Amino acid sequence: MALTETSAWNEFLMVRYFNGAHSKSSSNHH
């Protein structure tokens, strides 16, 4: 895997993780 692909993949995983955490916390508020 190319370095740029690895960076993009890590960024994608981080975005998914943060979106998931935000989604959970927002559903807990409701």
Protein backbone atom coordinates (compact mmCIF):
# COMPACT_ATOMS: atom_id res chain seq x y z
CA MET A 1 0.00 0.00 0.00
CA ALA A 2 1.33 3.45 -0.91
CA LEU A 3 2.08 5.94 1.84
CA THR A 4 -0.59 8.34 0.57
CA GLU A 5 -3.14 5.51 0.52
CA THR A 6 -2.22 4.59 4.10
CA SER A 7 -2.67 8.20 5.23
CA ALA A 8 -6.03 8.47 3.48
CA TRP A 9 -7.16 5.16 5.00
CA ASN A 10 -6.09 6.21 8.51
CA GLU A 11 -7.90 9.51 8.06
CA PHE A 12 -11.01 7.65 6.87
CA LEU A 13 -10.90 5.36 9.92
CA MET A 14 -10.46 8.32 12.27
CA VAL A 15 -13.40 10.13 10.66
CA ARG A 16 -15.56 7.01 11.02
CA TYR A 17 -14.47 6.60 14.64
CA PHE A 18 -15.18 10.23 15.55
CA ASN A 19 -18.49 10.21 13.68
CA GLY A 20 -19.47 7.03 15.53
CA ALA A 21 -18.48 8.50 18.90
CA HIS A 22 -20.41 11.70 18.14
CA SER A 23 -23.40 9.69 17.00
CA LYS A 24 -23.40 7.64 20.23
CA SER A 25 -23.08 10.68 22.48
CA SER A 26 -25.85 12.49 20.61
CA SER A 27 -28.20 9.51 20.87
CA ASN A 28 -27.39 9.31 24.62
CA HIS A 29 -28.52 12.95 24.98
CA HIS A 30 -31.83 11.99 23.42
